[in-house]
Amino acid sequence: MARKQIWMNPPLEKLAEECGKAKGRDGKFSTRLGDIVERYDLIMRLTPAPELSDNELMIMGEVILGSALTTVSLKYMHESILDAASGTADERQALHGKATSWSIAERIALIEVIEATGN
């Protein structure tokens, strides 16, 4: 397997520290990172993104692409829908009702879809 260089952003630096080396240059770090990526891939393959209309995707695109992903933004994603400028008030309210029941994994799956398509 070829060696790759990766940018050590704050989450990866934290993981490297947890694995015992600040720069993450030991086998523990790469093994742990591989495990995390593999598990994330499984979750995403087993969690379909919510089915949305084009208008709903436009609203969610504004919500998702217009904010940083944090624990709070993910937990209260459904509330941000009401503040969006896209769509009508009725469309936003209906989407808010749908989004309230989405699991965290479904919300992340939707983020992946929207970011991949640039909606």
N, C-alpha and C. Protein backbone atom coordinates (compact mmCIF):
# COMPACT_ATOMS: atom_id res chain seq x y z
N MET A 1 0.83 -1.18 0.00
CA MET A 1 0.00 0.00 0.00
C MET A 1 0.88 1.25 0.00
N ALA A 2 0.55 2.20 -0.82
CA ALA A 2 1.34 3.43 -0.92
C ALA A 2 1.09 4.33 0.29
N ARG A 3 2.12 5.04 0.67
CA ARG A 3 1.99 5.99 1.77
C ARG A 3 1.30 7.25 1.25
N LYS A 4 0.44 7.78 2.06
CA LYS A 4 -0.26 9.01 1.73
C LYS A 4 0.01 10.04 2.81
N GLN A 5 0.06 11.27 2.40
CA GLN A 5 0.15 12.35 3.38
C GLN A 5 -1.25 12.86 3.64
N ILE A 6 -1.54 13.13 4.90
CA ILE A 6 -2.85 13.70 5.23
C ILE A 6 -2.65 14.98 6.02
N TRP A 7 -3.60 15.87 5.88
CA TRP A 7 -3.58 17.10 6.64
C TRP A 7 -4.10 16.79 8.03
N MET A 8 -3.33 17.10 9.03
CA MET A 8 -3.70 16.80 10.41
C MET A 8 -4.56 17.93 10.96
N ASN A 9 -5.86 17.86 10.68
CA ASN A 9 -6.78 18.85 11.22
C ASN A 9 -7.04 18.54 12.70
N PRO A 10 -7.73 19.42 13.43
CA PRO A 10 -7.91 19.20 14.87
C PRO A 10 -8.50 17.84 15.26
N PRO A 11 -9.52 17.33 14.56
CA PRO A 11 -10.02 16.00 14.96
C PRO A 11 -8.98 14.89 14.79
N LEU A 12 -8.17 14.98 13.73
CA LEU A 12 -7.14 13.97 13.52
C LEU A 12 -6.00 14.13 14.52
N GLU A 13 -5.67 15.37 14.89
CA GLU A 13 -4.65 15.59 15.91
C GLU A 13 -5.09 15.00 17.25
N LYS A 14 -6.37 15.17 17.57
CA LYS A 14 -6.92 14.60 18.81
C LYS A 14 -6.83 13.07 18.77
N LEU A 15 -7.20 12.49 17.65
CA LEU A 15 -7.12 11.04 17.49
C LEU A 15 -5.68 10.56 17.63
N ALA A 16 -4.75 11.28 17.02
CA ALA A 16 -3.34 10.90 17.11
C ALA A 16 -2.86 10.95 18.55
N GLU A 17 -3.27 11.97 19.29
CA GLU A 17 -2.89 12.06 20.70
C GLU A 17 -3.46 10.89 21.49
N GLU A 18 -4.70 10.54 21.20
CA GLU A 18 -5.33 9.41 21.87
C GLU A 18 -4.62 8.09 21.54
N CYS A 19 -4.02 8.05 20.36
CA CYS A 19 -3.30 6.84 19.95
C CYS A 19 -1.85 6.83 20.44
N GLY A 20 -1.42 7.91 21.08
CA GLY A 20 -0.11 7.89 21.71
C GLY A 20 0.97 8.70 21.05
N LYS A 21 0.73 9.26 19.87
CA LYS A 21 1.76 10.05 19.21
C LYS A 21 1.13 11.33 18.67
N ALA A 22 1.71 12.45 18.99
CA ALA A 22 1.16 13.75 18.59
C ALA A 22 1.07 13.89 17.08
N LYS A 23 2.02 13.36 16.35
CA LYS A 23 2.00 13.49 14.89
C LYS A 23 1.29 12.33 14.21
N GLY A 24 0.92 11.30 14.94
CA GLY A 24 0.18 10.20 14.38
C GLY A 24 0.96 9.35 13.39
N ARG A 25 2.24 9.14 13.65
CA ARG A 25 3.06 8.41 12.69
C ARG A 25 3.30 6.96 13.10
N ASP A 26 2.46 6.44 13.97
CA ASP A 26 2.65 5.04 14.33
C ASP A 26 1.49 4.21 13.79
N GLY A 27 1.61 2.92 13.88
CA GLY A 27 0.60 2.01 13.36
C GLY A 27 -0.74 2.11 14.06
N LYS A 28 -0.73 2.48 15.33
CA LYS A 28 -1.98 2.61 16.07
C LYS A 28 -2.89 3.65 15.43
N PHE A 29 -2.32 4.78 15.05
CA PHE A 29 -3.10 5.86 14.47
C PHE A 29 -3.74 5.42 13.16
N SER A 30 -2.97 4.87 12.25
CA SER A 30 -3.52 4.49 10.95
C SER A 30 -4.53 3.36 11.09
N THR A 31 -4.28 2.43 12.01
CA THR A 31 -5.24 1.35 12.24
C THR A 31 -6.54 1.90 12.79
N ARG A 32 -6.42 2.78 13.76
CA ARG A 32 -7.63 3.38 14.37
C ARG A 32 -8.38 4.22 13.34
N LEU A 33 -7.68 5.01 12.54
CA LEU A 33 -8.31 5.81 11.51
C LEU A 33 -9.02 4.93 10.49
N GLY A 34 -8.38 3.83 10.10
CA GLY A 34 -9.00 2.88 9.19
C GLY A 34 -10.27 2.28 9.76
N ASP A 35 -10.24 1.94 11.06
CA ASP A 35 -11.43 1.40 11.72
C ASP A 35 -12.58 2.41 11.70
N ILE A 36 -12.27 3.66 11.98
CA ILE A 36 -13.29 4.71 12.01
C ILE A 36 -13.90 4.89 10.62
N VAL A 37 -13.06 4.96 9.60
CA VAL A 37 -13.56 5.14 8.23
C VAL A 37 -14.41 3.95 7.82
N GLU A 38 -13.98 2.75 8.17
CA GLU A 38 -14.74 1.54 7.83
C GLU A 38 -16.11 1.55 8.50
N ARG A 39 -16.16 1.92 9.77
CA ARG A 39 -17.43 1.96 10.50
C ARG A 39 -18.34 3.05 9.95
N TYR A 40 -17.77 4.21 9.64
CA TYR A 40 -18.55 5.30 9.05
C TYR A 40 -19.16 4.84 7.72
N ASP A 41 -18.37 4.17 6.92
CA ASP A 41 -18.85 3.67 5.63
C ASP A 41 -20.01 2.69 5.84
N LEU A 42 -19.90 1.82 6.82
CA LEU A 42 -21.00 0.88 7.11
C LEU A 42 -22.27 1.62 7.52
N ILE A 43 -22.11 2.59 8.39
CA ILE A 43 -23.28 3.37 8.83
C ILE A 43 -23.93 4.06 7.64
N MET A 44 -23.14 4.67 6.78
CA MET A 44 -23.70 5.40 5.64
C MET A 44 -24.35 4.44 4.63
N ARG A 45 -23.78 3.26 4.44
CA ARG A 45 -24.39 2.30 3.51
C ARG A 45 -25.70 1.74 4.06
N LEU A 46 -25.81 1.66 5.37
CA LEU A 46 -27.01 1.09 5.99
C LEU A 46 -28.04 2.14 6.39
N THR A 47 -27.72 3.41 6.19
CA THR A 47 -28.63 4.49 6.55
C THR A 47 -28.94 5.32 5.31
N PRO A 48 -30.08 5.07 4.68
CA PRO A 48 -30.41 5.87 3.51
C PRO A 48 -30.74 7.31 3.91
N ALA A 49 -30.37 8.23 3.06
CA ALA A 49 -30.73 9.63 3.28
C ALA A 49 -32.24 9.77 3.11
N PRO A 50 -32.87 10.66 3.85
CA PRO A 50 -34.31 10.87 3.68
C PRO A 50 -34.62 11.28 2.23
N GLU A 51 -35.71 10.76 1.71
CA GLU A 51 -36.15 11.13 0.36
C GLU A 51 -36.80 12.50 0.41
N LEU A 52 -36.32 13.41 -0.44
CA LEU A 52 -36.83 14.78 -0.44
C LEU A 52 -37.14 15.23 -1.85
N SER A 53 -38.11 16.15 -1.94
CA SER A 53 -38.43 16.76 -3.23
C SER A 53 -37.33 17.75 -3.60
N ASP A 54 -37.37 18.25 -4.82
CA ASP A 54 -36.37 19.23 -5.24
C ASP A 54 -36.42 20.48 -4.37
N ASN A 55 -37.62 20.95 -4.02
CA ASN A 55 -37.75 22.14 -3.17
C ASN A 55 -37.19 21.87 -1.77
N GLU A 56 -37.47 20.67 -1.25
CA GLU A 56 -36.94 20.33 0.07
C GLU A 56 -35.43 20.22 0.04
N LEU A 57 -34.87 19.68 -1.04
CA LEU A 57 -33.42 19.61 -1.18
C LEU A 57 -32.80 21.00 -1.24
N MET A 58 -33.50 21.93 -1.90
CA MET A 58 -33.00 23.31 -1.98
C MET A 58 -32.97 23.93 -0.58
N ILE A 59 -34.02 23.72 0.19
CA ILE A 59 -34.06 24.25 1.55
C ILE A 59 -32.95 23.64 2.39
N MET A 60 -32.82 22.31 2.32
CA MET A 60 -31.80 21.64 3.12
C MET A 60 -30.39 22.02 2.66
N GLY A 61 -30.23 22.27 1.37
CA GLY A 61 -28.94 22.73 0.88
C GLY A 61 -28.53 24.04 1.54
N GLU A 62 -29.49 24.94 1.67
CA GLU A 62 -29.22 26.21 2.35
C GLU A 62 -28.86 25.98 3.81
N VAL A 63 -29.60 25.11 4.47
CA VAL A 63 -29.36 24.83 5.89
C VAL A 63 -27.99 24.19 6.09
N ILE A 64 -27.67 23.20 5.28
CA ILE A 64 -26.45 22.42 5.46
C ILE A 64 -25.21 23.16 4.98
N LEU A 65 -25.28 23.73 3.79
CA LEU A 65 -24.11 24.38 3.22
C LEU A 65 -23.85 25.74 3.84
N GLY A 66 -24.82 26.26 4.57
CA GLY A 66 -24.67 27.58 5.17
C GLY A 66 -24.19 27.57 6.60
N SER A 67 -23.82 26.40 7.13
CA SER A 67 -23.41 26.37 8.53
C SER A 67 -22.33 25.32 8.76
N ALA A 68 -21.61 25.51 9.83
CA ALA A 68 -20.58 24.54 10.23
C ALA A 68 -21.27 23.37 10.92
N LEU A 69 -20.72 22.19 10.74
CA LEU A 69 -21.27 21.01 11.38
C LEU A 69 -20.75 20.92 12.81
N THR A 70 -21.65 21.04 13.75
CA THR A 70 -21.33 20.90 15.17
C THR A 70 -22.38 19.99 15.80
N THR A 71 -22.13 19.60 17.01
CA THR A 71 -23.11 18.79 17.73
C THR A 71 -24.45 19.52 17.80
N VAL A 72 -24.40 20.80 18.11
CA VAL A 72 -25.62 21.60 18.24
C VAL A 72 -26.33 21.76 16.89
N SER A 73 -25.58 22.06 15.82
CA SER A 73 -26.22 22.26 14.51
C SER A 73 -26.84 20.96 14.01
N LEU A 74 -26.22 19.84 14.31
CA LEU A 74 -26.76 18.55 13.90
C LEU A 74 -28.00 18.19 14.72
N LYS A 75 -27.93 18.39 16.00
CA LYS A 75 -29.05 18.06 16.89
C LYS A 75 -30.29 18.91 16.58
N TYR A 76 -30.06 20.19 16.27
CA TYR A 76 -31.17 21.11 16.03
C TYR A 76 -31.33 21.49 14.56
N MET A 77 -30.87 20.64 13.66
CA MET A 77 -30.97 20.89 12.23
C MET A 77 -32.40 21.23 11.82
N HIS A 78 -33.35 20.51 12.39
CA HIS A 78 -34.76 20.74 12.04
C HIS A 78 -35.20 22.17 12.37
N GLU A 79 -34.64 22.77 13.40
CA GLU A 79 -35.01 24.14 13.75
C GLU A 79 -34.44 25.14 12.75
N SER A 80 -33.27 24.84 12.19
CA SER A 80 -32.65 25.74 11.21
C SER A 80 -33.47 25.83 9.93
N ILE A 81 -34.25 24.80 9.66
CA ILE A 81 -35.10 24.80 8.47
C ILE A 81 -36.07 25.97 8.50
N LEU A 82 -36.59 26.27 9.67
CA LEU A 82 -37.56 27.36 9.80
C LEU A 82 -36.93 28.72 9.53
N ASP A 83 -35.62 28.83 9.71
CA ASP A 83 -34.91 30.10 9.49
C ASP A 83 -34.41 30.27 8.07
N ALA A 84 -34.56 29.24 7.24
CA ALA A 84 -34.05 29.31 5.86
C ALA A 84 -34.84 30.33 5.05
N ALA A 85 -34.20 30.89 4.04
CA ALA A 85 -34.86 31.83 3.13
C ALA A 85 -35.48 31.10 1.95
N SER A 86 -35.00 29.90 1.67
CA SER A 86 -35.51 29.12 0.53
C SER A 86 -36.90 28.56 0.85
N GLY A 87 -37.67 28.37 -0.21
CA GLY A 87 -38.99 27.77 -0.07
C GLY A 87 -39.99 28.72 0.58
N THR A 88 -41.22 28.26 0.63
CA THR A 88 -42.28 29.04 1.28
C THR A 88 -42.33 28.68 2.76
N ALA A 89 -43.03 29.49 3.52
CA ALA A 89 -43.18 29.20 4.95
C ALA A 89 -43.85 27.85 5.16
N ASP A 90 -44.84 27.53 4.33
CA ASP A 90 -45.52 26.23 4.45
C ASP A 90 -44.59 25.07 4.11
N GLU A 91 -43.75 25.24 3.08
CA GLU A 91 -42.79 24.19 2.73
C GLU A 91 -41.78 23.97 3.85
N ARG A 92 -41.30 25.06 4.41
CA ARG A 92 -40.33 24.95 5.51
C ARG A 92 -40.97 24.29 6.74
N GLN A 93 -42.21 24.64 7.02
CA GLN A 93 -42.89 24.05 8.17
C GLN A 93 -43.11 22.55 7.96
N ALA A 94 -43.50 22.17 6.75
CA ALA A 94 -43.71 20.74 6.46
C ALA A 94 -42.38 19.97 6.55
N LEU A 95 -41.32 20.55 6.01
CA LEU A 95 -40.01 19.91 6.07
C LEU A 95 -39.52 19.82 7.51
N HIS A 96 -39.75 20.86 8.28
CA HIS A 96 -39.41 20.84 9.70
C HIS A 96 -40.08 19.66 10.39
N GLY A 97 -41.34 19.43 10.08
CA GLY A 97 -42.07 18.30 10.66
C GLY A 97 -41.43 16.96 10.30
N LYS A 98 -41.00 16.81 9.05
CA LYS A 98 -40.32 15.58 8.62
C LYS A 98 -38.98 15.43 9.34
N ALA A 99 -38.21 16.50 9.34
CA ALA A 99 -36.84 16.45 9.86
C ALA A 99 -36.78 16.19 11.35
N THR A 100 -37.82 16.54 12.07
CA THR A 100 -37.84 16.33 13.51
C THR A 100 -37.63 14.86 13.88
N SER A 101 -38.11 13.96 13.02
CA SER A 101 -38.01 12.52 13.33
C SER A 101 -36.75 11.85 12.75
N TRP A 102 -35.92 12.58 12.01
CA TRP A 102 -34.72 11.98 11.43
C TRP A 102 -33.71 11.66 12.51
N SER A 103 -33.10 10.49 12.39
CA SER A 103 -32.02 10.12 13.31
C SER A 103 -30.77 10.93 12.95
N ILE A 104 -29.81 10.91 13.85
CA ILE A 104 -28.55 11.60 13.59
C ILE A 104 -27.88 11.00 12.35
N ALA A 105 -27.92 9.68 12.22
CA ALA A 105 -27.32 9.02 11.05
C ALA A 105 -28.02 9.46 9.76
N GLU A 106 -29.34 9.60 9.78
CA GLU A 106 -30.06 10.07 8.60
C GLU A 106 -29.67 11.51 8.26
N ARG A 107 -29.50 12.33 9.26
CA ARG A 107 -29.09 13.72 9.03
C ARG A 107 -27.70 13.77 8.40
N ILE A 108 -26.80 12.95 8.90
CA ILE A 108 -25.44 12.92 8.33
C ILE A 108 -25.48 12.35 6.91
N ALA A 109 -26.30 11.33 6.67
CA ALA A 109 -26.44 10.78 5.32
C ALA A 109 -26.94 11.86 4.36
N LEU A 110 -27.88 12.68 4.80
CA LEU A 110 -28.39 13.77 3.97
C LEU A 110 -27.30 14.80 3.70
N ILE A 111 -26.51 15.11 4.71
CA ILE A 111 -25.39 16.04 4.53
C ILE A 111 -24.44 15.50 3.46
N GLU A 112 -24.14 14.21 3.52
CA GLU A 112 -23.25 13.59 2.53
C GLU A 112 -23.82 13.72 1.13
N VAL A 113 -25.12 13.47 0.97
CA VAL A 113 -25.76 13.56 -0.35
C VAL A 113 -25.71 15.00 -0.87
N ILE A 114 -26.07 15.94 -0.03
CA ILE A 114 -26.12 17.34 -0.44
C ILE A 114 -24.72 17.87 -0.75
N GLU A 115 -23.75 17.54 0.07
CA GLU A 115 -22.38 18.00 -0.20
C GLU A 115 -21.82 17.36 -1.48
N ALA A 116 -22.18 16.11 -1.73
CA ALA A 116 -21.70 15.43 -2.93
C ALA A 116 -22.30 16.01 -4.20
N THR A 117 -23.54 16.48 -4.11
CA THR A 117 -24.21 17.02 -5.29
C THR A 117 -24.11 18.53 -5.38
N GLY A 118 -23.70 19.17 -4.28
CA GLY A 118 -23.58 20.62 -4.28
C GLY A 118 -24.91 21.35 -4.26
N ASN A 119 -25.98 20.65 -3.84
CA ASN A 119 -27.31 21.29 -3.78
C ASN A 119 -27.37 22.29 -2.67
